[in-house]
C-alpha atoms as a PDB file:
ATOM      1  CA  MET A   1     -10.488-242.273  69.409  1.00  0.00           C
ATOM      2  CA  SER A   2     -12.331-240.372  67.013  1.00  0.00           C
ATOM      3  CA  GLY A   3     -15.088-239.707  69.574  1.00  0.00           C
ATOM      4  CA  TYR A   4     -12.037-238.749  72.464  1.00  0.00           C
ATOM      5  CA  SER A   5     -10.684-236.493  70.194  1.00  0.00           C
ATOM      6  CA  ALA A   6     -14.295-234.501  69.126  1.00  0.00           C
ATOM      7  CA  ILE A   7     -14.305-233.337  72.583  1.00  0.00           C
ATOM      8  CA  PHE A   8     -10.971-232.808  73.101  1.00  0.00           C
ATOM      9  CA  PHE A   9     -11.371-230.040  70.471  1.00  0.00           C
ATOM     10  CA  VAL A  10     -14.889-229.176  71.679  1.00  0.00           C
ATOM     11  CA  MET A  11     -13.484-228.007  74.867  1.00  0.00           C
ATOM     12  CA  MET A  12     -10.141-226.334  73.839  1.00  0.00           C
ATOM     13  CA  ILE A  13     -12.344-224.359  71.709  1.00  0.00           C
ATOM     14  CA  LEU A  14     -14.607-223.446  75.495  1.00  0.00           C
ATOM     15  CA  ILE A  15     -11.685-222.688  77.046  1.00  0.00           C
ATOM     16  CA  PHE A  16     -10.095-220.039  74.533  1.00  0.00           C
ATOM     17  CA  LEU A  17     -13.442-218.502  73.949  1.00  0.00           C
ATOM     18  CA  ILE A  18     -13.875-218.443  77.973  1.00  0.00           C
ATOM     19  CA  GLY A  19     -10.264-217.088  78.179  1.00  0.00           C
ATOM     20  CA  GLN A  20     -11.248-214.627  75.859  1.00  0.00           C
ATOM     21  CA  GLY A  21     -14.311-213.659  76.699  1.00  0.00           C
ATOM     22  CA  LEU A  22     -14.964-213.718  80.314  1.00  0.00           C
ATOM     23  CA  PRO A  23     -12.868-210.596  81.184  1.00  0.00           C
ATOM     24  CA  ALA A  24     -15.338-208.688  79.312  1.00  0.00           C
ATOM     25  CA  LEU A  25     -17.399-209.586  82.877  1.00  0.00           C
ATOM     26  CA  GLY A  26     -14.596-207.377  84.792  1.00  0.00           C
ATOM     27  CA  GLN A  27     -14.056-204.538  82.278  1.00  0.00           C
ATOM     28  CA  VAL A  28     -17.503-203.650  81.418  1.00  0.00           C
ATOM     29  CA  GLU A  29     -20.930-203.164  84.290  1.00  0.00           C
ATOM     30  CA  PHE A  30     -22.878-205.957  84.207  1.00  0.00           C
ATOM     31  CA  SER A  31     -26.499-203.414  83.680  1.00  0.00           C
ATOM     32  CA  SER A  32     -24.961-201.809  80.772  1.00  0.00           C
ATOM     33  CA  LEU A  33     -23.588-205.114  79.170  1.00  0.00           C
ATOM     34  CA  PHE A  34     -27.094-206.678  79.188  1.00  0.00           C
ATOM     35  CA  SER A  35     -28.605-202.940  77.944  1.00  0.00           C
ATOM     36  CA  GLU A  36     -30.634-202.384  74.643  1.00  0.00           C
ATOM     37  CA  ARG A  37     -27.770-200.137  73.834  1.00  0.00           C
ATOM     38  CA  TRP A  38     -24.987-201.021  71.326  1.00  0.00           C
ATOM     39  CA  TYR A  39     -22.670-198.541  70.317  1.00  0.00           C
ATOM     40  CA  PRO A  40     -19.198-200.071  70.740  1.00  0.00           C
ATOM     41  CA  ILE A  41     -17.497-196.188  70.113  1.00  0.00           C
ATOM     42  CA  GLU A  42     -18.875-194.790  72.910  1.00  0.00           C
ATOM     43  CA  GLU A  43     -18.892-197.665  74.652  1.00  0.00           C
ATOM     44  CA  TYR A  44     -21.991-198.859  74.899  1.00  0.00           C
ATOM     45  CA  TYR A  45     -22.206-202.955  74.898  1.00  0.00           C
ATOM     46  CA  GLY A  46     -25.821-203.683  75.166  1.00  0.00           C
ATOM     47  CA  ILE A  47     -25.439-207.418  73.366  1.00  0.00           C
ATOM     48  CA  LEU A  48     -29.770-207.667  74.501  1.00  0.00           C
ATOM     49  CA  PRO A  49     -30.548-206.373  70.523  1.00  0.00           C
ATOM     50  CA  LEU A  50     -28.127-208.820  69.021  1.00  0.00           C
ATOM     51  CA  ILE A  51     -30.258-211.836  71.083  1.00  0.00           C
ATOM     52  CA  GLY A  52     -32.842-211.219  70.400  1.00  0.00           C
ATOM     53  CA  GLY A  53     -32.204-210.414  66.495  1.00  0.00           C
ATOM     54  CA  SER A  54     -30.609-214.008  66.676  1.00  0.00           C
ATOM     55  CA  ILE A  55     -33.788-215.188  68.417  1.00  0.00           C
ATOM     56  CA  ILE A  56     -36.235-213.874  66.159  1.00  0.00           C
ATOM     57  CA  VAL A  57     -34.326-215.080  62.907  1.00  0.00           C
ATOM     58  CA  THR A  58     -34.325-218.572  64.262  1.00  0.00           C
ATOM     59  CA  ILE A  59     -37.914-218.821  65.001  1.00  0.00           C
ATOM     60  CA  GLY A  60     -38.754-217.885  61.608  1.00  0.00           C
ATOM     61  CA  ALA A  61     -36.180-219.680  59.870  1.00  0.00           C
ATOM     62  CA  THR A  62     -37.897-222.509  61.014  1.00  0.00           C
ATOM     63  CA  ILE A  63     -41.190-222.013  61.090  1.00  0.00           C
ATOM     64  CA  ILE A  64     -40.285-221.989  57.301  1.00  0.00           C
ATOM     65  CA  ALA A  65     -37.852-224.845  57.396  1.00  0.00           C
ATOM     66  CA  VAL A  66     -39.288-227.343  59.487  1.00  0.00           C
ATOM     67  CA  PRO A  67     -42.768-227.731  57.213  1.00  0.00           C
ATOM     68  CA  LEU A  68     -40.875-227.856  54.320  1.00  0.00           C
ATOM     69  CA  GLY A  69     -38.291-229.819  55.130  1.00  0.00           C
ATOM     70  CA  LEU A  70     -39.667-232.309  56.043  1.00  0.00           C
ATOM     71  CA  GLY A  71     -42.961-232.233  53.604  1.00  0.00           C
ATOM     72  CA  SER A  72     -40.174-232.067  52.035  1.00  0.00           C
ATOM     73  CA  ALA A  73     -38.469-235.651  53.127  1.00  0.00           C
ATOM     74  CA  VAL A  74     -41.671-237.771  53.967  1.00  0.00           C
ATOM     75  CA  PHE A  75     -42.451-237.226  49.885  1.00  0.00           C
ATOM     76  CA  ILE A  76     -39.219-237.989  48.486  1.00  0.00           C
ATOM     77  CA  SER A  77     -38.853-241.266  50.807  1.00  0.00           C
ATOM     78  CA  GLU A  78     -42.450-242.438  51.305  1.00  0.00           C
ATOM     79  CA  VAL A  79     -44.829-240.697  47.739  1.00  0.00           C
ATOM     80  CA  ALA A  80     -42.057-239.816  45.024  1.00  0.00           C
ATOM     81  CA  PRO A  81     -41.736-243.066  42.443  1.00  0.00           C
ATOM     82  CA  ARG A  82     -37.809-244.482  42.506  1.00  0.00           C
ATOM     83  CA  TRP A  83     -36.710-242.581  39.718  1.00  0.00           C
ATOM     84  CA  ALA A  84     -37.545-239.160  40.877  1.00  0.00           C
ATOM     85  CA  ARG A  85     -36.309-239.968  44.394  1.00  0.00           C
ATOM     86  CA  GLU A  86     -33.040-240.857  42.288  1.00  0.00           C
ATOM     87  CA  ILE A  87     -32.527-236.631  41.009  1.00  0.00           C
ATOM     88  CA  LEU A  88     -34.793-235.347  43.923  1.00  0.00           C
ATOM     89  CA  LYS A  89     -31.913-236.570  46.561  1.00  0.00           C
ATOM     90  CA  PRO A  90     -29.261-235.753  44.949  1.00  0.00           C
ATOM     91  CA  MET A  91     -30.320-231.907  44.378  1.00  0.00           C
ATOM     92  CA  VAL A  92     -31.037-231.924  47.250  1.00  0.00           C
ATOM     93  CA  GLU A  93     -27.582-232.156  49.089  1.00  0.00           C
ATOM     94  CA  LEU A  94     -26.403-230.346  46.371  1.00  0.00           C
ATOM     95  CA  LEU A  95     -28.301-227.151  47.726  1.00  0.00           C
ATOM     96  CA  ALA A  96     -26.795-227.741  51.099  1.00  0.00           C
ATOM     97  CA  GLY A  97     -23.598-227.557  49.209  1.00  0.00           C
ATOM     98  CA  LEU A  98     -24.403-223.620  48.141  1.00  0.00           C
ATOM     99  CA  PRO A  99     -22.802-221.125  49.532  1.00  0.00           C
ATOM    100  CA  SER A 100     -23.870-219.184  51.837  1.00  0.00           C
ATOM    101  CA  VAL A 101     -22.512-215.108  50.664  1.00  0.00           C
ATOM    102  CA  VAL A 102     -24.209-217.008  47.588  1.00  0.00           C
ATOM    103  CA  LEU A 103     -27.796-216.771  48.309  1.00  0.00           C
ATOM    104  CA  GLY A 104     -27.293-213.593  50.878  1.00  0.00           C
ATOM    105  CA  PHE A 105     -26.230-211.991  47.383  1.00  0.00           C
ATOM    106  CA  ILE A 106     -29.580-213.249  45.650  1.00  0.00           C
ATOM    107  CA  GLY A 107     -31.690-212.072  48.773  1.00  0.00           C
ATOM    108  CA  ILE A 108     -29.580-208.463  48.187  1.00  0.00           C
ATOM    109  CA  VAL A 109     -30.533-208.669  44.749  1.00  0.00           C
ATOM    110  CA  SER A 110     -34.000-210.566  44.072  1.00  0.00           C
ATOM    111  CA  LEU A 111     -35.348-210.908  47.257  1.00  0.00           C
ATOM    112  CA  SER A 112     -35.534-207.975  48.893  1.00  0.00           C
ATOM    113  CA  PRO A 113     -36.831-205.797  47.056  1.00  0.00           C
ATOM    114  CA  LEU A 114     -40.071-208.082  46.401  1.00  0.00           C
ATOM    115  CA  VAL A 115     -40.138-208.067  49.777  1.00  0.00           C
ATOM    116  CA  ARG A 116     -40.367-204.688  50.092  1.00  0.00           C
ATOM    117  CA  GLU A 117     -42.433-203.658  46.850  1.00  0.00           C
ATOM    118  CA  TYR A 118     -45.391-206.723  47.704  1.00  0.00           C
ATOM    119  CA  LEU A 119     -45.595-205.812  51.998  1.00  0.00           C
ATOM    120  CA  ASN A 120     -44.587-201.855  51.514  1.00  0.00           C
ATOM    121  CA  LEU A 121     -42.297-202.233  53.897  1.00  0.00           C
ATOM    122  CA  PRO A 122     -39.467-198.754  53.962  1.00  0.00           C
ATOM    123  CA  THR A 123     -36.468-201.474  53.155  1.00  0.00           C
ATOM    124  CA  GLY A 124     -36.384-205.065  52.171  1.00  0.00           C
ATOM    125  CA  LEU A 125     -33.057-205.476  54.401  1.00  0.00           C
ATOM    126  CA  SER A 126     -35.176-206.863  57.347  1.00  0.00           C
ATOM    127  CA  ALA A 127     -35.799-210.064  59.817  1.00  0.00           C
ATOM    128  CA  LEU A 128     -38.463-211.358  57.100  1.00  0.00           C
ATOM    129  CA  THR A 129     -35.919-211.234  54.589  1.00  0.00           C
ATOM    130  CA  GLY A 130     -33.293-213.306  56.363  1.00  0.00           C
ATOM    131  CA  SER A 131     -35.953-215.476  58.187  1.00  0.00           C
ATOM    132  CA  MET A 132     -35.929-216.967  54.609  1.00  0.00           C
ATOM    133  CA  LEU A 133     -32.635-217.164  53.032  1.00  0.00           C
ATOM    134  CA  LEU A 134     -31.946-218.935  56.489  1.00  0.00           C
ATOM    135  CA  GLY A 135     -35.058-221.560  56.381  1.00  0.00           C
ATOM    136  CA  ALA A 136     -34.100-222.125  52.442  1.00  0.00           C
ATOM    137  CA  ILE A 137     -30.574-223.164  53.885  1.00  0.00           C
ATOM    138  CA  ALA A 138     -31.931-224.767  56.499  1.00  0.00           C
ATOM    139  CA  VAL A 139     -34.548-226.949  54.474  1.00  0.00           C
ATOM    140  CA  PRO A 140     -32.025-229.114  52.645  1.00  0.00           C
ATOM    141  CA  THR A 141     -30.431-230.604  56.395  1.00  0.00           C
ATOM    142  CA  ILE A 142     -33.533-231.183  57.289  1.00  0.00           C
ATOM    143  CA  VAL A 143     -34.983-232.962  54.495  1.00  0.00           C
ATOM    144  CA  SER A 144     -31.543-235.129  54.094  1.00  0.00           C
ATOM    145  CA  VAL A 145     -31.326-236.439  57.209  1.00  0.00           C
ATOM    146  CA  ALA A 146     -34.993-236.852  58.093  1.00  0.00           C
ATOM    147  CA  GLU A 147     -35.523-239.068  54.249  1.00  0.00           C
ATOM    148  CA  ASP A 148     -32.412-241.176  55.721  1.00  0.00           C
ATOM    149  CA  ALA A 149     -33.992-241.895  58.778  1.00  0.00           C
ATOM    150  CA  LEU A 150     -37.421-242.793  56.962  1.00  0.00           C
ATOM    151  CA  ASP A 151     -35.801-244.824  55.014  1.00  0.00           C
ATOM    152  CA  SER A 152     -34.737-246.720  57.558  1.00  0.00           C
ATOM    153  CA  VAL A 153     -37.459-247.464  58.856  1.00  0.00           C
ATOM    154  CA  PRO A 154     -38.246-251.308  57.851  1.00  0.00           C
ATOM    155  CA  ARG A 155     -40.751-251.883  55.487  1.00  0.00           C
ATOM    156  CA  GLU A 156     -42.245-254.415  57.494  1.00  0.00           C
ATOM    157  CA  TYR A 157     -43.819-251.525  58.980  1.00  0.00           C
ATOM    158  CA  ARG A 158     -45.483-250.367  56.556  1.00  0.00           C
ATOM    159  CA  ASN A 159     -46.552-253.602  54.935  1.00  0.00           C
ATOM    160  CA  ALA A 160     -47.903-255.087  58.295  1.00  0.00           C
ATOM    161  CA  ALA A 161     -50.196-251.356  58.204  1.00  0.00           C
ATOM    162  CA  LEU A 162     -51.423-251.571  54.725  1.00  0.00           C
ATOM    163  CA  ALA A 163     -52.428-255.293  55.455  1.00  0.00           C
ATOM    164  CA  LEU A 164     -54.999-254.075  58.903  1.00  0.00           C
ATOM    165  CA  GLY A 165     -56.923-251.595  56.144  1.00  0.00           C
ATOM    166  CA  ALA A 166     -54.921-248.540  56.735  1.00  0.00           C
ATOM    167  CA  THR A 167     -53.938-245.928  53.959  1.00  0.00           C
ATOM    168  CA  GLU A 168     -50.814-244.827  52.375  1.00  0.00           C
ATOM    169  CA  TRP A 169     -51.201-241.404  54.353  1.00  0.00           C
ATOM    170  CA  GLN A 170     -52.453-243.579  57.467  1.00  0.00           C
ATOM    171  CA  THR A 171     -49.459-245.639  57.504  1.00  0.00           C
ATOM    172  CA  ILE A 172     -46.846-242.626  57.248  1.00  0.00           C
ATOM    173  CA  TRP A 173     -48.352-240.273  59.941  1.00  0.00           C
ATOM    174  CA  THR A 174     -49.498-243.311  62.453  1.00  0.00           C
ATOM    175  CA  VAL A 175     -45.860-245.390  61.673  1.00  0.00           C
ATOM    176  CA  THR A 176     -43.582-244.126  59.640  1.00  0.00           C
ATOM    177  CA  LEU A 177     -42.702-241.168  61.171  1.00  0.00           C
ATOM    178  CA  PRO A 178     -43.081-242.197  64.810  1.00  0.00           C
ATOM    179  CA  ALA A 179     -40.721-245.229  64.730  1.00  0.00           C
ATOM    180  CA  ALA A 180     -38.163-242.416  62.393  1.00  0.00           C
ATOM    181  CA  ARG A 181     -39.665-240.042  65.437  1.00  0.00           C
ATOM    182  CA  SER A 182     -35.469-240.089  66.877  1.00  0.00           C
ATOM    183  CA  GLY A 183     -33.268-239.171  63.483  1.00  0.00           C
ATOM    184  CA  VAL A 184     -36.690-236.689  62.087  1.00  0.00           C
ATOM    185  CA  LEU A 185     -35.603-234.376  65.670  1.00  0.00           C
ATOM    186  CA  THR A 186     -32.341-234.144  65.091  1.00  0.00           C
ATOM    187  CA  ALA A 187     -33.022-233.414  61.208  1.00  0.00           C
ATOM    188  CA  VAL A 188     -34.921-230.558  62.849  1.00  0.00           C
ATOM    189  CA  MET A 189     -32.439-229.400  65.570  1.00  0.00           C
ATOM    190  CA  LEU A 190     -29.788-229.262  63.101  1.00  0.00           C
ATOM    191  CA  GLY A 191     -31.553-227.655  61.125  1.00  0.00           C
ATOM    192  CA  ILE A 192     -32.023-225.011  63.688  1.00  0.00           C
ATOM    193  CA  ALA A 193     -28.284-225.237  64.923  1.00  0.00           C
ATOM    194  CA  ARG A 194     -27.454-225.059  61.219  1.00  0.00           C
ATOM    195  CA  THR A 195     -29.244-221.347  61.642  1.00  0.00           C
ATOM    196  CA  ILE A 196     -28.594-220.057  64.503  1.00  0.00           C
ATOM    197  CA  GLY A 197     -24.228-219.773  63.526  1.00  0.00           C
ATOM    198  CA  GLU A 198     -25.511-218.242  60.007  1.00  0.00           C
ATOM    199  CA  THR A 199     -22.915-215.568  59.206  1.00  0.00           C
ATOM    200  CA  MET A 200     -22.552-213.935  56.264  1.00  0.00           C
ATOM    201  CA  THR A 201     -26.459-214.440  54.549  1.00  0.00           C
ATOM    202  CA  VAL A 202     -28.098-212.930  57.690  1.00  0.00           C
ATOM    203  CA  MET A 203     -25.042-210.121  57.786  1.00  0.00           C
ATOM    204  CA  MET A 204     -25.836-208.898  53.957  1.00  0.00           C
ATOM    205  CA  VAL A 205     -29.888-209.762  54.130  1.00  0.00           C
ATOM    206  CA  THR A 206     -31.019-208.276  57.888  1.00  0.00           C
ATOM    207  CA  GLY A 207     -29.817-204.804  57.340  1.00  0.00           C
ATOM    208  CA  ASN A 208     -27.367-205.091  60.534  1.00  0.00           C
ATOM    209  CA  ALA A 209     -29.034-202.332  62.791  1.00  0.00           C
ATOM    210  CA  ALA A 210     -29.412-203.374  66.707  1.00  0.00           C
ATOM    211  CA  VAL A 211     -32.939-202.345  67.326  1.00  0.00           C
ATOM    212  CA  MET A 212     -34.097-204.744  70.846  1.00  0.00           C
ATOM    213  CA  PRO A 213     -37.081-206.528  69.032  1.00  0.00           C
ATOM    214  CA  ASP A 214     -40.241-205.245  70.088  1.00  0.00           C
ATOM    215  CA  GLY A 215     -43.483-208.058  69.116  1.00  0.00           C
ATOM    216  CA  ILE A 216     -44.400-209.483  65.717  1.00  0.00           C
ATOM    217  CA  SER A 217     -43.308-205.827  63.971  1.00  0.00           C
ATOM    218  CA  ALA A 218     -39.662-206.760  64.540  1.00  0.00           C
ATOM    219  CA  LEU A 219     -40.041-209.435  62.330  1.00  0.00           C
ATOM    220  CA  PHE A 220     -40.463-206.335  59.013  1.00  0.00           C
ATOM    221  CA  SER A 221     -37.724-204.886  60.370  1.00  0.00           C
ATOM    222  CA  PRO A 222     -33.807-204.377  59.794  1.00  0.00           C
ATOM    223  CA  ILE A 223     -32.222-206.400  63.131  1.00  0.00           C
ATOM    224  CA  ARG A 224     -28.696-207.806  63.766  1.00  0.00           C
ATOM    225  CA  THR A 225     -28.032-210.768  64.509  1.00  0.00           C
ATOM    226  CA  MET A 226     -24.697-212.318  67.320  1.00  0.00           C
ATOM    227  CA  THR A 227     -23.366-213.685  63.850  1.00  0.00           C
ATOM    228  CA  ALA A 228     -23.320-210.724  62.148  1.00  0.00           C
ATOM    229  CA  THR A 229     -21.661-208.648  64.344  1.00  0.00           C
ATOM    230  CA  ILE A 230     -19.032-211.183  65.036  1.00  0.00           C
ATOM    231  CA  ALA A 231     -17.878-210.882  61.923  1.00  0.00           C
ATOM    232  CA  ALA A 232     -18.503-207.395  60.869  1.00  0.00           C
ATOM    233  CA  GLU A 233     -16.631-206.012  63.536  1.00  0.00           C
ATOM    234  CA  MET A 234     -13.679-209.201  64.883  1.00  0.00           C
ATOM    235  CA  GLY A 235     -11.693-207.723  62.048  1.00  0.00           C
ATOM    236  CA  GLU A 236     -11.532-203.866  63.500  1.00  0.00           C
ATOM    237  CA  VAL A 237     -11.461-204.236  66.934  1.00  0.00           C
ATOM    238  CA  ALA A 238      -8.724-203.732  68.948  1.00  0.00           C
ATOM    239  CA  GLU A 239      -7.147-206.705  70.290  1.00  0.00           C
ATOM    240  CA  GLY A 240      -7.289-207.265  74.323  1.00  0.00           C
ATOM    241  CA  SER A 241     -10.007-204.072  74.201  1.00  0.00           C
ATOM    242  CA  SER A 242     -13.254-204.471  76.032  1.00  0.00           C
ATOM    243  CA  HIS A 243     -14.933-204.394  72.694  1.00  0.00           C
ATOM    244  CA  TYR A 244     -12.612-207.093  71.688  1.00  0.00           C
ATOM    245  CA  HIS A 245     -13.309-209.082  74.360  1.00  0.00           C
ATOM    246  CA  VAL A 246     -17.408-208.542  74.375  1.00  0.00           C
ATOM    247  CA  LEU A 247     -17.255-209.849  71.103  1.00  0.00           C
ATOM    248  CA  PHE A 248     -16.076-213.051  72.540  1.00  0.00           C
ATOM    249  CA  LEU A 249     -18.259-213.077  75.137  1.00  0.00           C
ATOM    250  CA  ILE A 250     -20.754-213.197  72.361  1.00  0.00           C
ATOM    251  CA  GLY A 251     -19.785-216.428  70.852  1.00  0.00           C
ATOM    252  CA  ILE A 252     -19.809-217.764  74.719  1.00  0.00           C
ATOM    253  CA  ILE A 253     -23.439-217.199  74.575  1.00  0.00           C
ATOM    254  CA  LEU A 254     -23.598-218.583  70.742  1.00  0.00           C
ATOM    255  CA  PHE A 255     -21.466-222.226  71.926  1.00  0.00           C
ATOM    256  CA  LEU A 256     -23.439-221.854  74.883  1.00  0.00           C
ATOM    257  CA  ILE A 257     -26.769-221.914  72.839  1.00  0.00           C
ATOM    258  CA  SER A 258     -26.355-224.625  70.331  1.00  0.00           C
ATOM    259  CA  LEU A 259     -24.839-226.797  73.209  1.00  0.00           C
ATOM    260  CA  VAL A 260     -28.612-226.379  75.214  1.00  0.00           C
ATOM    261  CA  ILE A 261     -30.310-227.056  71.603  1.00  0.00           C
ATOM    262  CA  ASN A 262     -28.240-230.492  70.836  1.00  0.00           C
ATOM    263  CA  VAL A 263     -27.927-231.742  74.329  1.00  0.00           C
ATOM    264  CA  THR A 264     -32.006-231.137  74.501  1.00  0.00           C
ATOM    265  CA  ALA A 265     -32.036-233.031  70.885  1.00  0.00           C
ATOM    266  CA  SER A 266     -30.059-236.094  72.958  1.00  0.00           C
ATOM    267  CA  SER A 267     -32.441-236.233  75.793  1.00  0.00           C
ATOM    268  CA  VAL A 268     -35.128-235.954  74.225  1.00  0.00           C
ATOM    269  CA  ILE A 269     -33.854-239.116  71.354  1.00  0.00           C
ATOM    270  CA  PHE A 270     -32.831-241.111  74.409  1.00  0.00           C
ATOM    271  CA  LYS A 271     -35.930-240.974  76.989  1.00  0.00           C
ATOM    272  CA  LYS A 272     -37.806-241.665  73.117  1.00  0.00           C
ATOM    273  CA  THR A 273     -35.154-244.808  73.159  1.00  0.00           C
ATOM    274  CA  ASN A 274     -35.505-245.864  76.217  1.00  0.00           C
ATOM    275  CA  ARG A 275     -39.206-245.818  76.654  1.00  0.00           C
ATOM    276  CA  THR A 276     -39.619-247.704  73.081  1.00  0.00           C
ATOM    277  CA  GLU A 277     -36.559-250.165  74.508  1.00  0.00           C
ATOM    278  CA  LYS A 278     -39.452-250.888  77.354  1.00  0.00           C
ATOM    279  CA  ILE A 279     -42.531-251.367  75.416  1.00  0.00           C
ATOM    280  CA  LEU A 280     -40.594-253.842  73.527  1.00  0.00           C
ATOM    281  CA  SER A 281     -39.661-255.648  76.150  1.00  0.00           C
END
C-alpha cells in the first residue's frame, strides 16, 4: 500500500506541474523559450543558460563527491577498526542533516573569498564554489548508502578471497565492490539527484548570473541554476503570467531530469541483478 501511495503522490505532483507549466508553450514562442537570454522583465525567457548552469554545477559536484564518497565508504566499511567505524558513521550521518542554508552561508563567508584569492578570479561566487559545496552535500548521502551496501556483503566472500592469496586491497576491489555494485550505484545516483535538486546553497554561492556556459571556463564564472531561479523568482511573479508558467515549465524539466536519472539507475541495477542470477543458476 505504501508503494502505491508513493506512486500516487508522484503522479499528482507531475499532473500539477504539467497543468501549470504547459501553458508556457502557448504563451512564449518556442525559439524564445529555448534561447540564451533570461530576462523576464523584458519577456526574454531563454532557459538554456539555466539548464547549462545546472548541468555544469552537477558535473563538478559529481567529480568531487563520487571519489570522496566511495573512498570514505570503503574506508569505514573495510579498513577502519570497529571503534573508529562507530564514531565515523554517526558523524557522516550528522553531516547529512546540516541545513543547506548553513553550508551556503559558510560558502559566502569562508570558501568564496578563498576561491577568489587563490585562483585570482574577479569573484568567488562561481560555479566552482557551488560545485564544491554541492559535492560536500552529496558526500554524506553517498557514504551512508554505499557503506550499508558494502557492509551487507557476506563475510564469506572476503574470507574466500583472502584464503586464495588475495591482498586486502585486491579483495576490496575485485570482490567486495563488485558484490555491492547495485547498492554503490544507488548511492551515486542518490548523490547526483541531491545535487540537482539543491536550491539554497547554489542560490547563495554561484553568483546567480544567467549566462550561457562556454566551455570549461564557465566553471570559474558566475552561473545560475534552474532551482535557484525558481526559488528566487516564484515569490515575486504574478500568478497566471507567462513568467509564472515558465517557472513551472522549468520545474517540469527538473522533474524529468530526476526521473531519467532514477530510471537509468534502476535499469542498470536490474540488468546486473538478472545477469548475476543467470550466472549463479
